[in-house]
Amino acid sequence: MAVSFDLFGTLVRAERLDDPGAAIADELAARDVDVPADWDQAYRERHIDAPEGAEVPLPAHVAAALRSRGIEAPGNAARRAVVAAFDPDVERREGARRAVEAARERGPVGVCSNTSAPELARRTLLRADLGDAFDAVVTSVGCGWRKPDSRAFEALANRLGVDTAALVHVGDDPETDGGIEAAGGRFVDVAETTLGSFPAWLEAQDDGVTGR
């Protein structure tokens, strides 16, 4: 059995930006990028066409929003501004460590997370003291696809060396995390099976396989 976990809302609690566009604008200005007067509108507009289910990296969106107003961000200023803006305080949820350890006793373990901000998942796992807990971490900004698109789960399954049908995905959002079922795997909703009770859930699956 291979197990994957959603990150935000499942393994950790993290502050959410009330106004991401404004936070990014502040970081752009701190890097001497001219922020247009109508930045709020520019940030909310769609600038990059992407296939259904695809993730548009936030730095690419920010750079395109600036270009739409005739502004070129020098170097990697857009990326650095996004990384700096998305720097939340993080709290590991109760039972997370034991849930991951119990999963590891049965096979490979990974994270499958929707985030358009680069580096955010890695820094979050480090701050939650989970940086070394996983065999693979796949984000939508990294693989190019957002849950519930099956290609996000397939990317993680490939990294773990298993078929997608062998994947159990633990998450807090039936609409996104529940997409694993369309990919042939199994969804565990933490609203019904908490992280604290997940080790017992795994034991029950063991009993079902062995006929005990």
N, C-alpha and C. Protein backbone atom coordinates (compact mmCIF):
# COMPACT_ATOMS: atom_id res chain seq x y z
N MET A 1 0.84 -1.20 0.00
CA MET A 1 0.00 0.00 0.00
C MET A 1 0.88 1.25 0.00
N ALA A 2 0.55 2.19 -0.87
CA ALA A 2 1.21 3.50 -0.88
C ALA A 2 0.20 4.54 -0.40
N VAL A 3 0.66 5.49 0.38
CA VAL A 3 -0.22 6.50 0.95
C VAL A 3 0.30 7.88 0.59
N SER A 4 -0.60 8.75 0.19
CA SER A 4 -0.25 10.15 -0.01
C SER A 4 -1.13 11.02 0.87
N PHE A 5 -0.59 12.16 1.24
CA PHE A 5 -1.30 13.11 2.09
C PHE A 5 -1.40 14.45 1.39
N ASP A 6 -2.55 15.07 1.50
CA ASP A 6 -2.68 16.48 1.19
C ASP A 6 -1.89 17.24 2.26
N LEU A 7 -1.47 18.47 1.93
CA LEU A 7 -0.65 19.22 2.88
C LEU A 7 -1.46 20.24 3.67
N PHE A 8 -1.94 21.27 3.00
CA PHE A 8 -2.61 22.37 3.70
C PHE A 8 -4.04 21.98 4.09
N GLY A 9 -4.33 22.09 5.37
CA GLY A 9 -5.63 21.69 5.87
C GLY A 9 -5.69 20.25 6.31
N THR A 10 -4.69 19.47 5.93
CA THR A 10 -4.64 18.05 6.30
C THR A 10 -3.50 17.80 7.28
N LEU A 11 -2.28 17.96 6.82
CA LEU A 11 -1.13 17.76 7.70
C LEU A 11 -0.81 19.00 8.52
N VAL A 12 -1.08 20.17 7.97
CA VAL A 12 -0.72 21.41 8.66
C VAL A 12 -1.85 22.43 8.59
N ARG A 13 -1.84 23.31 9.56
CA ARG A 13 -2.63 24.53 9.50
C ARG A 13 -1.67 25.66 9.13
N ALA A 14 -2.07 26.50 8.21
CA ALA A 14 -1.22 27.61 7.79
C ALA A 14 -2.07 28.86 7.59
N GLU A 15 -1.48 30.00 7.91
CA GLU A 15 -2.18 31.25 7.68
C GLU A 15 -2.45 31.42 6.18
N ARG A 16 -3.63 31.91 5.86
CA ARG A 16 -3.96 32.21 4.47
C ARG A 16 -3.91 33.72 4.28
N LEU A 17 -3.33 34.16 3.19
CA LEU A 17 -3.26 35.58 2.90
C LEU A 17 -4.66 36.12 2.62
N ASP A 18 -5.02 37.20 3.30
CA ASP A 18 -6.31 37.83 3.05
C ASP A 18 -6.35 38.45 1.65
N ASP A 19 -5.22 38.99 1.21
CA ASP A 19 -5.15 39.65 -0.10
C ASP A 19 -3.81 39.30 -0.74
N PRO A 20 -3.73 38.15 -1.43
CA PRO A 20 -2.45 37.75 -2.03
C PRO A 20 -1.90 38.78 -3.00
N GLY A 21 -2.77 39.38 -3.79
CA GLY A 21 -2.31 40.37 -4.76
C GLY A 21 -1.60 41.53 -4.10
N ALA A 22 -2.17 42.03 -3.00
CA ALA A 22 -1.55 43.15 -2.28
C ALA A 22 -0.22 42.74 -1.67
N ALA A 23 -0.16 41.53 -1.12
CA ALA A 23 1.10 41.05 -0.53
C ALA A 23 2.19 40.94 -1.59
N ILE A 24 1.82 40.45 -2.76
CA ILE A 24 2.80 40.34 -3.85
C ILE A 24 3.21 41.72 -4.33
N ALA A 25 2.27 42.65 -4.40
CA ALA A 25 2.59 44.02 -4.81
C ALA A 25 3.63 44.64 -3.88
N ASP A 26 3.47 44.43 -2.57
CA ASP A 26 4.43 44.95 -1.60
C ASP A 26 5.82 44.37 -1.85
N GLU A 27 5.87 43.08 -2.14
CA GLU A 27 7.17 42.44 -2.37
C GLU A 27 7.78 42.87 -3.70
N LEU A 28 6.94 43.12 -4.70
CA LEU A 28 7.46 43.64 -5.97
C LEU A 28 8.07 45.03 -5.76
N ALA A 29 7.34 45.88 -5.04
CA ALA A 29 7.84 47.23 -4.78
C ALA A 29 9.15 47.19 -4.00
N ALA A 30 9.27 46.23 -3.08
CA ALA A 30 10.50 46.10 -2.30
C ALA A 30 11.68 45.69 -3.18
N ARG A 31 11.38 45.19 -4.37
CA ARG A 31 12.42 44.79 -5.32
C ARG A 31 12.52 45.77 -6.48
N ASP A 32 12.03 46.97 -6.25
CA ASP A 32 12.13 48.09 -7.21
C ASP A 32 11.40 47.82 -8.52
N VAL A 33 10.33 47.05 -8.43
CA VAL A 33 9.47 46.84 -9.60
C VAL A 33 8.32 47.84 -9.53
N ASP A 34 8.09 48.55 -10.63
CA ASP A 34 6.98 49.50 -10.68
C ASP A 34 5.66 48.73 -10.68
N VAL A 35 4.86 48.94 -9.67
CA VAL A 35 3.57 48.28 -9.58
C VAL A 35 2.51 49.20 -10.16
N PRO A 36 1.77 48.74 -11.16
CA PRO A 36 0.77 49.62 -11.81
C PRO A 36 -0.32 50.04 -10.83
N ALA A 37 -0.91 51.21 -11.10
CA ALA A 37 -1.95 51.74 -10.22
C ALA A 37 -3.16 50.82 -10.14
N ASP A 38 -3.42 50.10 -11.22
CA ASP A 38 -4.57 49.19 -11.22
C ASP A 38 -4.12 47.74 -11.02
N TRP A 39 -3.11 47.55 -10.18
CA TRP A 39 -2.57 46.21 -9.96
C TRP A 39 -3.63 45.22 -9.49
N ASP A 40 -4.52 45.66 -8.64
CA ASP A 40 -5.55 44.76 -8.13
C ASP A 40 -6.34 44.16 -9.28
N GLN A 41 -6.69 44.99 -10.26
CA GLN A 41 -7.43 44.50 -11.42
C GLN A 41 -6.54 43.62 -12.29
N ALA A 42 -5.31 44.04 -12.52
CA ALA A 42 -4.39 43.26 -13.35
C ALA A 42 -4.16 41.88 -12.76
N TYR A 43 -4.01 41.82 -11.43
CA TYR A 43 -3.75 40.55 -10.76
C TYR A 43 -4.93 39.59 -10.90
N ARG A 44 -6.12 40.14 -10.93
CA ARG A 44 -7.32 39.30 -11.00
C ARG A 44 -7.65 38.84 -12.42
N GLU A 45 -7.07 39.47 -13.41
CA GLU A 45 -7.35 39.10 -14.80
C GLU A 45 -6.62 37.81 -15.18
N ARG A 46 -7.17 37.13 -16.16
CA ARG A 46 -6.51 35.94 -16.68
C ARG A 46 -5.57 36.35 -17.80
N HIS A 47 -4.32 35.94 -17.69
CA HIS A 47 -3.32 36.35 -18.67
C HIS A 47 -2.69 35.18 -19.41
N ILE A 48 -2.82 33.98 -18.89
CA ILE A 48 -2.19 32.80 -19.50
C ILE A 48 -3.26 31.75 -19.73
N ASP A 49 -3.42 31.35 -20.97
CA ASP A 49 -4.35 30.27 -21.28
C ASP A 49 -3.71 28.93 -20.94
N ALA A 50 -4.43 28.11 -20.21
CA ALA A 50 -3.90 26.80 -19.81
C ALA A 50 -5.00 25.77 -20.00
N PRO A 51 -4.63 24.52 -20.29
CA PRO A 51 -5.64 23.47 -20.42
C PRO A 51 -6.39 23.26 -19.12
N GLU A 52 -7.58 22.71 -19.21
CA GLU A 52 -8.36 22.41 -18.02
C GLU A 52 -7.58 21.47 -17.11
N GLY A 53 -7.52 21.82 -15.84
CA GLY A 53 -6.81 21.01 -14.88
C GLY A 53 -5.35 21.39 -14.70
N ALA A 54 -4.84 22.26 -15.57
CA ALA A 54 -3.43 22.63 -15.49
C ALA A 54 -3.22 23.73 -14.45
N GLU A 55 -2.03 23.75 -13.88
CA GLU A 55 -1.65 24.78 -12.93
C GLU A 55 -0.84 25.86 -13.64
N VAL A 56 -1.19 27.11 -13.42
CA VAL A 56 -0.38 28.23 -13.90
C VAL A 56 0.50 28.69 -12.74
N PRO A 57 1.81 28.54 -12.84
CA PRO A 57 2.68 28.99 -11.75
C PRO A 57 2.44 30.46 -11.44
N LEU A 58 2.33 30.77 -10.18
CA LEU A 58 2.00 32.14 -9.80
C LEU A 58 3.05 33.16 -10.28
N PRO A 59 4.35 32.86 -10.23
CA PRO A 59 5.30 33.83 -10.77
C PRO A 59 5.05 34.14 -12.25
N ALA A 60 4.66 33.13 -13.03
CA ALA A 60 4.36 33.37 -14.45
C ALA A 60 3.14 34.26 -14.59
N HIS A 61 2.14 34.04 -13.75
CA HIS A 61 0.94 34.89 -13.77
C HIS A 61 1.29 36.32 -13.40
N VAL A 62 2.10 36.49 -12.36
CA VAL A 62 2.48 37.84 -11.92
C VAL A 62 3.26 38.56 -13.01
N ALA A 63 4.23 37.87 -13.62
CA ALA A 63 5.01 38.49 -14.70
C ALA A 63 4.12 38.88 -15.87
N ALA A 64 3.15 38.01 -16.20
CA ALA A 64 2.24 38.31 -17.31
C ALA A 64 1.32 39.48 -16.97
N ALA A 65 0.89 39.55 -15.70
CA ALA A 65 0.04 40.68 -15.28
C ALA A 65 0.80 41.98 -15.40
N LEU A 66 2.06 41.98 -15.02
CA LEU A 66 2.88 43.19 -15.16
C LEU A 66 3.06 43.56 -16.64
N ARG A 67 3.34 42.56 -17.48
CA ARG A 67 3.52 42.84 -18.91
C ARG A 67 2.26 43.40 -19.53
N SER A 68 1.11 42.97 -19.02
CA SER A 68 -0.15 43.49 -19.58
C SER A 68 -0.30 44.98 -19.34
N ARG A 69 0.48 45.51 -18.41
CA ARG A 69 0.48 46.95 -18.12
C ARG A 69 1.78 47.60 -18.56
N GLY A 70 2.52 46.89 -19.43
CA GLY A 70 3.73 47.47 -20.00
C GLY A 70 4.94 47.46 -19.09
N ILE A 71 4.95 46.60 -18.10
CA ILE A 71 6.04 46.56 -17.12
C ILE A 71 6.74 45.21 -17.20
N GLU A 72 8.06 45.23 -17.31
CA GLU A 72 8.85 44.02 -17.30
C GLU A 72 9.56 43.89 -15.95
N ALA A 73 9.34 42.79 -15.26
CA ALA A 73 10.03 42.55 -14.00
C ALA A 73 11.43 42.05 -14.30
N PRO A 74 12.46 42.68 -13.77
CA PRO A 74 13.84 42.27 -14.08
C PRO A 74 14.17 40.92 -13.47
N GLY A 75 14.97 40.14 -14.19
CA GLY A 75 15.47 38.88 -13.66
C GLY A 75 14.36 37.98 -13.16
N ASN A 76 14.54 37.46 -11.97
CA ASN A 76 13.53 36.58 -11.36
C ASN A 76 12.78 37.29 -10.25
N ALA A 77 12.57 38.60 -10.43
CA ALA A 77 11.91 39.40 -9.39
C ALA A 77 10.50 38.90 -9.10
N ALA A 78 9.78 38.48 -10.13
CA ALA A 78 8.40 38.00 -9.92
C ALA A 78 8.41 36.75 -9.05
N ARG A 79 9.32 35.85 -9.33
CA ARG A 79 9.39 34.62 -8.52
C ARG A 79 9.78 34.95 -7.08
N ARG A 80 10.77 35.80 -6.91
CA ARG A 80 11.22 36.12 -5.56
C ARG A 80 10.13 36.84 -4.77
N ALA A 81 9.36 37.67 -5.45
CA ALA A 81 8.27 38.38 -4.78
C ALA A 81 7.18 37.40 -4.33
N VAL A 82 6.87 36.43 -5.16
CA VAL A 82 5.85 35.44 -4.80
C VAL A 82 6.34 34.58 -3.63
N VAL A 83 7.57 34.13 -3.69
CA VAL A 83 8.11 33.29 -2.62
C VAL A 83 8.09 34.05 -1.30
N ALA A 84 8.46 35.33 -1.34
CA ALA A 84 8.48 36.13 -0.11
C ALA A 84 7.07 36.39 0.41
N ALA A 85 6.12 36.59 -0.49
CA ALA A 85 4.75 36.89 -0.06
C ALA A 85 4.08 35.69 0.60
N PHE A 86 4.37 34.50 0.09
CA PHE A 86 3.77 33.29 0.63
C PHE A 86 4.76 32.65 1.61
N ASP A 87 4.73 33.16 2.81
CA ASP A 87 5.66 32.73 3.84
C ASP A 87 4.90 32.60 5.16
N PRO A 88 3.97 31.63 5.25
CA PRO A 88 3.03 31.59 6.37
C PRO A 88 3.61 30.98 7.64
N ASP A 89 2.99 31.34 8.76
CA ASP A 89 3.23 30.59 9.99
C ASP A 89 2.52 29.24 9.84
N VAL A 90 3.16 28.19 10.34
CA VAL A 90 2.68 26.83 10.11
C VAL A 90 2.56 26.10 11.45
N GLU A 91 1.50 25.33 11.58
CA GLU A 91 1.31 24.48 12.75
C GLU A 91 0.98 23.07 12.30
N ARG A 92 1.76 22.10 12.71
CA ARG A 92 1.49 20.70 12.36
C ARG A 92 0.25 20.24 13.10
N ARG A 93 -0.65 19.59 12.39
CA ARG A 93 -1.89 19.14 13.01
C ARG A 93 -1.65 17.93 13.91
N GLU A 94 -2.44 17.86 14.95
CA GLU A 94 -2.32 16.76 15.91
C GLU A 94 -2.51 15.42 15.20
N GLY A 95 -1.61 14.51 15.47
CA GLY A 95 -1.69 13.18 14.89
C GLY A 95 -0.99 13.04 13.55
N ALA A 96 -0.48 14.15 12.99
CA ALA A 96 0.11 14.08 11.65
C ALA A 96 1.35 13.19 11.62
N ARG A 97 2.25 13.38 12.56
CA ARG A 97 3.49 12.61 12.56
C ARG A 97 3.20 11.11 12.68
N ARG A 98 2.34 10.73 13.59
CA ARG A 98 2.04 9.31 13.78
C ARG A 98 1.32 8.74 12.56
N ALA A 99 0.46 9.52 11.94
CA ALA A 99 -0.25 9.04 10.75
C ALA A 99 0.73 8.73 9.63
N VAL A 100 1.71 9.62 9.45
CA VAL A 100 2.72 9.40 8.41
C VAL A 100 3.58 8.19 8.76
N GLU A 101 3.97 8.06 10.02
CA GLU A 101 4.79 6.93 10.43
C GLU A 101 4.06 5.60 10.22
N ALA A 102 2.77 5.59 10.54
CA ALA A 102 1.99 4.36 10.35
C ALA A 102 1.90 4.00 8.88
N ALA A 103 1.74 5.00 8.03
CA ALA A 103 1.70 4.75 6.59
C ALA A 103 3.03 4.22 6.09
N ARG A 104 4.12 4.77 6.61
CA ARG A 104 5.45 4.35 6.17
C ARG A 104 5.73 2.89 6.52
N GLU A 105 5.12 2.40 7.56
CA GLU A 105 5.31 1.00 7.95
C GLU A 105 4.74 0.04 6.91
N ARG A 106 3.93 0.57 5.99
CA ARG A 106 3.24 -0.29 5.03
C ARG A 106 3.67 -0.06 3.59
N GLY A 107 4.48 0.98 3.35
CA GLY A 107 4.90 1.23 1.99
C GLY A 107 5.35 2.67 1.81
N PRO A 108 5.56 3.07 0.56
CA PRO A 108 6.03 4.43 0.29
C PRO A 108 4.96 5.47 0.65
N VAL A 109 5.44 6.66 1.02
CA VAL A 109 4.56 7.73 1.47
C VAL A 109 4.93 9.03 0.76
N GLY A 110 3.90 9.76 0.34
CA GLY A 110 4.16 11.02 -0.35
C GLY A 110 3.19 12.11 0.02
N VAL A 111 3.43 13.29 -0.53
CA VAL A 111 2.55 14.44 -0.40
C VAL A 111 2.10 14.83 -1.80
N CYS A 112 0.81 15.13 -1.94
CA CYS A 112 0.26 15.64 -3.19
C CYS A 112 -0.53 16.90 -2.85
N SER A 113 0.00 18.06 -3.23
CA SER A 113 -0.55 19.33 -2.76
C SER A 113 -0.80 20.30 -3.91
N ASN A 114 -1.93 20.97 -3.86
CA ASN A 114 -2.20 22.06 -4.79
C ASN A 114 -1.59 23.35 -4.25
N THR A 115 -0.64 23.90 -4.95
CA THR A 115 -0.10 25.21 -4.64
C THR A 115 0.56 25.77 -5.89
N SER A 116 0.25 27.01 -6.21
CA SER A 116 0.84 27.65 -7.38
C SER A 116 2.09 28.44 -7.02
N ALA A 117 2.44 28.49 -5.73
CA ALA A 117 3.61 29.23 -5.27
C ALA A 117 4.81 28.29 -5.12
N PRO A 118 5.89 28.52 -5.83
CA PRO A 118 7.05 27.64 -5.71
C PRO A 118 7.68 27.74 -4.31
N GLU A 119 8.25 26.64 -3.88
CA GLU A 119 8.98 26.52 -2.61
C GLU A 119 8.08 26.47 -1.38
N LEU A 120 6.80 26.79 -1.54
CA LEU A 120 5.93 26.88 -0.38
C LEU A 120 5.77 25.53 0.32
N ALA A 121 5.55 24.48 -0.43
CA ALA A 121 5.35 23.17 0.19
C ALA A 121 6.60 22.72 0.92
N ARG A 122 7.76 22.88 0.30
CA ARG A 122 9.01 22.45 0.93
C ARG A 122 9.25 23.20 2.24
N ARG A 123 9.07 24.52 2.23
CA ARG A 123 9.30 25.29 3.45
C ARG A 123 8.28 24.94 4.52
N THR A 124 7.06 24.68 4.10
CA THR A 124 6.01 24.32 5.05
C THR A 124 6.34 23.00 5.74
N LEU A 125 6.78 22.02 4.99
CA LEU A 125 7.13 20.73 5.57
C LEU A 125 8.32 20.86 6.54
N LEU A 126 9.27 21.68 6.19
CA LEU A 126 10.41 21.89 7.08
C LEU A 126 9.97 22.53 8.39
N ARG A 127 9.12 23.53 8.30
CA ARG A 127 8.66 24.23 9.50
C ARG A 127 7.77 23.34 10.37
N ALA A 128 7.11 22.40 9.74
CA ALA A 128 6.26 21.47 10.49
C ALA A 128 7.03 20.26 10.99
N ASP A 129 8.35 20.28 10.80
CA ASP A 129 9.22 19.17 11.19
C ASP A 129 8.80 17.88 10.49
N LEU A 130 8.45 18.02 9.22
CA LEU A 130 8.09 16.86 8.39
C LEU A 130 8.95 16.81 7.13
N GLY A 131 10.04 17.54 7.14
CA GLY A 131 10.84 17.67 5.94
C GLY A 131 11.45 16.38 5.43
N ASP A 132 11.69 15.43 6.33
CA ASP A 132 12.32 14.18 5.94
C ASP A 132 11.37 12.99 6.02
N ALA A 133 10.08 13.27 6.07
CA ALA A 133 9.11 12.21 6.35
C ALA A 133 8.57 11.51 5.09
N PHE A 134 8.89 12.03 3.90
CA PHE A 134 8.22 11.53 2.70
C PHE A 134 9.21 11.06 1.64
N ASP A 135 8.76 10.06 0.89
CA ASP A 135 9.55 9.55 -0.21
C ASP A 135 9.44 10.43 -1.45
N ALA A 136 8.35 11.18 -1.56
CA ALA A 136 8.15 12.07 -2.70
C ALA A 136 7.17 13.17 -2.31
N VAL A 137 7.42 14.36 -2.83
CA VAL A 137 6.51 15.49 -2.66
C VAL A 137 6.19 16.04 -4.03
N VAL A 138 4.92 16.00 -4.39
CA VAL A 138 4.47 16.50 -5.69
C VAL A 138 3.51 17.66 -5.47
N THR A 139 3.80 18.78 -6.08
CA THR A 139 2.91 19.94 -6.03
C THR A 139 2.37 20.24 -7.41
N SER A 140 1.26 20.96 -7.45
CA SER A 140 0.69 21.30 -8.75
C SER A 140 1.62 22.21 -9.53
N VAL A 141 2.32 23.12 -8.83
CA VAL A 141 3.25 24.00 -9.55
C VAL A 141 4.44 23.22 -10.08
N GLY A 142 4.76 22.10 -9.43
CA GLY A 142 5.88 21.29 -9.88
C GLY A 142 5.53 20.34 -11.02
N CYS A 143 4.35 19.70 -10.92
CA CYS A 143 3.99 18.71 -11.95
C CYS A 143 3.13 19.30 -13.07
N GLY A 144 2.53 20.46 -12.80
CA GLY A 144 1.75 21.13 -13.85
C GLY A 144 0.27 20.88 -13.81
N TRP A 145 -0.20 20.03 -12.87
CA TRP A 145 -1.61 19.66 -12.83
C TRP A 145 -2.15 19.80 -11.41
N ARG A 146 -3.38 20.29 -11.30
CA ARG A 146 -4.02 20.48 -10.00
C ARG A 146 -4.99 19.34 -9.71
N LYS A 147 -4.98 18.88 -8.46
CA LYS A 147 -6.05 17.99 -8.04
C LYS A 147 -7.37 18.70 -8.23
N PRO A 148 -8.42 18.06 -8.71
CA PRO A 148 -8.63 16.61 -8.81
C PRO A 148 -8.17 15.97 -10.11
N ASP A 149 -7.47 16.70 -10.97
CA ASP A 149 -7.02 16.10 -12.22
C ASP A 149 -6.19 14.85 -11.93
N SER A 150 -6.52 13.78 -12.60
CA SER A 150 -5.86 12.50 -12.31
C SER A 150 -4.37 12.55 -12.57
N ARG A 151 -3.92 13.48 -13.42
CA ARG A 151 -2.49 13.54 -13.73
C ARG A 151 -1.66 14.01 -12.54
N ALA A 152 -2.28 14.73 -11.60
CA ALA A 152 -1.56 15.09 -10.38
C ALA A 152 -1.26 13.85 -9.54
N PHE A 153 -2.27 13.00 -9.40
CA PHE A 153 -2.07 11.77 -8.63
C PHE A 153 -1.14 10.80 -9.36
N GLU A 154 -1.26 10.77 -10.67
CA GLU A 154 -0.38 9.90 -11.46
C GLU A 154 1.08 10.32 -11.30
N ALA A 155 1.31 11.63 -11.23
CA ALA A 155 2.68 12.12 -11.06
C ALA A 155 3.27 11.63 -9.74
N LEU A 156 2.47 11.66 -8.69
CA LEU A 156 2.95 11.18 -7.39
C LEU A 156 3.15 9.67 -7.41
N ALA A 157 2.18 8.95 -7.97
CA ALA A 157 2.31 7.49 -8.03
C ALA A 157 3.58 7.09 -8.77
N ASN A 158 3.88 7.79 -9.85
CA ASN A 158 5.11 7.49 -10.60
C ASN A 158 6.34 7.73 -9.74
N ARG A 159 6.32 8.80 -8.96
CA ARG A 159 7.46 9.10 -8.09
C ARG A 159 7.62 8.04 -6.99
N LEU A 160 6.49 7.48 -6.56
CA LEU A 160 6.53 6.47 -5.52
C LEU A 160 6.77 5.07 -6.07
N GLY A 161 6.69 4.93 -7.38
CA GLY A 161 6.93 3.63 -8.00
C GLY A 161 5.78 2.66 -7.89
N VAL A 162 4.55 3.19 -7.88
CA VAL A 162 3.36 2.33 -7.76
C VAL A 162 2.34 2.74 -8.82
N ASP A 163 1.36 1.86 -9.03
CA ASP A 163 0.22 2.22 -9.87
C ASP A 163 -0.68 3.18 -9.10
N THR A 164 -1.36 4.06 -9.82
CA THR A 164 -2.26 5.00 -9.16
C THR A 164 -3.36 4.26 -8.41
N ALA A 165 -3.77 3.12 -8.92
CA ALA A 165 -4.82 2.35 -8.25
C ALA A 165 -4.39 1.83 -6.89
N ALA A 166 -3.09 1.80 -6.63
CA ALA A 166 -2.58 1.31 -5.34
C ALA A 166 -2.44 2.44 -4.32
N LEU A 167 -2.86 3.65 -4.71
CA LEU A 167 -2.63 4.82 -3.87
C LEU A 167 -3.84 5.12 -2.98
N VAL A 168 -3.59 5.29 -1.71
CA VAL A 168 -4.57 5.81 -0.76
C VAL A 168 -4.22 7.27 -0.50
N HIS A 169 -5.16 8.17 -0.76
CA HIS A 169 -4.88 9.60 -0.58
C HIS A 169 -5.71 10.15 0.57
N VAL A 170 -5.03 10.78 1.52
CA VAL A 170 -5.66 11.33 2.71
C VAL A 170 -5.76 12.85 2.55
N GLY A 171 -6.98 13.38 2.68
CA GLY A 171 -7.14 14.82 2.49
C GLY A 171 -8.38 15.35 3.16
N ASP A 172 -8.56 16.67 3.04
CA ASP A 172 -9.67 17.34 3.73
C ASP A 172 -10.72 17.89 2.78
N ASP A 173 -10.52 17.72 1.47
CA ASP A 173 -11.43 18.31 0.49
C ASP A 173 -11.93 17.23 -0.48
N PRO A 174 -13.16 16.77 -0.32
CA PRO A 174 -13.67 15.72 -1.21
C PRO A 174 -13.67 16.12 -2.68
N GLU A 175 -13.79 17.41 -2.98
CA GLU A 175 -13.84 17.83 -4.38
C GLU A 175 -12.48 17.74 -5.05
N THR A 176 -11.42 18.06 -4.32
CA THR A 176 -10.09 18.00 -4.92
C THR A 176 -9.37 16.71 -4.57
N ASP A 177 -9.22 16.44 -3.28
CA ASP A 177 -8.54 15.21 -2.87
C ASP A 177 -9.30 13.96 -3.29
N GLY A 178 -10.62 14.08 -3.33
CA GLY A 178 -11.44 12.95 -3.74
C GLY A 178 -11.25 12.55 -5.19
N GLY A 179 -10.52 13.37 -5.96
CA GLY A 179 -10.24 13.04 -7.35
C GLY A 179 -9.41 11.78 -7.51
N ILE A 180 -8.78 11.32 -6.44
CA ILE A 180 -8.02 10.07 -6.51
C ILE A 180 -8.90 8.91 -6.90
N GLU A 181 -10.19 8.96 -6.57
CA GLU A 181 -11.07 7.84 -6.87
C GLU A 181 -11.28 7.70 -8.37
N ALA A 182 -11.36 8.83 -9.09
CA ALA A 182 -11.48 8.76 -10.55
C ALA A 182 -10.21 8.21 -11.18
N ALA A 183 -9.10 8.33 -10.45
CA ALA A 183 -7.82 7.80 -10.94
C ALA A 183 -7.62 6.35 -10.54
N GLY A 184 -8.60 5.77 -9.83
CA GLY A 184 -8.53 4.36 -9.47
C GLY A 184 -8.09 4.08 -8.05
N GLY A 185 -7.69 5.14 -7.31
CA GLY A 185 -7.23 4.95 -5.95
C GLY A 185 -8.35 5.13 -4.93
N ARG A 186 -7.97 5.33 -3.68
CA ARG A 186 -8.93 5.41 -2.60
C ARG A 186 -8.74 6.70 -1.82
N PHE A 187 -9.85 7.35 -1.47
CA PHE A 187 -9.83 8.61 -0.73
C PHE A 187 -10.20 8.38 0.72
N VAL A 188 -9.42 8.96 1.63
CA VAL A 188 -9.72 8.96 3.06
C VAL A 188 -9.92 10.40 3.49
N ASP A 189 -11.13 10.73 3.92
CA ASP A 189 -11.48 12.09 4.32
C ASP A 189 -11.17 12.27 5.80
N VAL A 190 -10.33 13.26 6.13
CA VAL A 190 -9.96 13.45 7.53
C VAL A 190 -11.11 13.97 8.37
N ALA A 191 -12.19 14.41 7.72
CA ALA A 191 -13.38 14.80 8.47
C ALA A 191 -14.08 13.57 9.04
N GLU A 192 -13.83 12.42 8.42
CA GLU A 192 -14.45 11.17 8.87
C GLU A 192 -13.44 10.26 9.57
N THR A 193 -12.24 10.20 9.03
CA THR A 193 -11.16 9.43 9.64
C THR A 193 -10.05 10.41 9.98
N THR A 194 -9.97 10.82 11.24
CA THR A 194 -9.00 11.82 11.64
C THR A 194 -7.57 11.28 11.53
N LEU A 195 -6.62 12.19 11.54
CA LEU A 195 -5.23 11.75 11.52
C LEU A 195 -4.93 10.86 12.72
N GLY A 196 -5.52 11.19 13.85
CA GLY A 196 -5.29 10.39 15.05
C GLY A 196 -5.81 8.97 14.93
N SER A 197 -6.88 8.80 14.16
CA SER A 197 -7.46 7.46 14.01
C SER A 197 -6.99 6.75 12.74
N PHE A 198 -6.18 7.43 11.94
CA PHE A 198 -5.73 6.84 10.68
C PHE A 198 -4.88 5.59 10.90
N PRO A 199 -3.98 5.53 11.89
CA PRO A 199 -3.24 4.28 12.11
C PRO A 199 -4.16 3.09 12.35
N ALA A 200 -5.26 3.30 13.10
CA ALA A 200 -6.21 2.21 13.32
C ALA A 200 -6.92 1.84 12.03
N TRP A 201 -7.20 2.84 11.19
CA TRP A 201 -7.82 2.57 9.88
C TRP A 201 -6.89 1.69 9.05
N LEU A 202 -5.60 1.99 9.08
CA LEU A 202 -4.65 1.18 8.33
C LEU A 202 -4.61 -0.25 8.86
N GLU A 203 -4.66 -0.41 10.18
CA GLU A 203 -4.67 -1.75 10.76
C GLU A 203 -5.89 -2.53 10.32
N ALA A 204 -7.03 -1.83 10.21
CA ALA A 204 -8.23 -2.50 9.74
C ALA A 204 -8.08 -2.99 8.31
N GLN A 205 -7.36 -2.22 7.49
CA GLN A 205 -7.13 -2.66 6.11
C GLN A 205 -6.23 -3.88 6.11
N ASP A 206 -5.22 -3.89 7.01
CA ASP A 206 -4.35 -5.06 7.12
C ASP A 206 -5.16 -6.30 7.48
N ASP A 207 -6.07 -6.15 8.44
CA ASP A 207 -6.88 -7.28 8.86
C ASP A 207 -7.74 -7.79 7.71
N GLY A 208 -8.24 -6.86 6.89
CA GLY A 208 -9.06 -7.26 5.76
C GLY A 208 -8.27 -8.04 4.71
N VAL A 209 -7.00 -7.65 4.54
CA VAL A 209 -6.17 -8.33 3.55
C VAL A 209 -5.79 -9.71 4.04
N THR A 210 -5.46 -9.83 5.33
CA THR A 210 -4.97 -11.11 5.85
C THR A 210 -6.09 -12.03 6.30
N GLY A 211 -7.32 -11.50 6.41
CA GLY A 211 -8.45 -12.31 6.83
C GLY A 211 -8.50 -12.55 8.31
N ARG A 212 -7.76 -11.74 9.08
CA ARG A 212 -7.79 -11.92 10.53
C ARG A 212 -9.11 -11.42 11.12
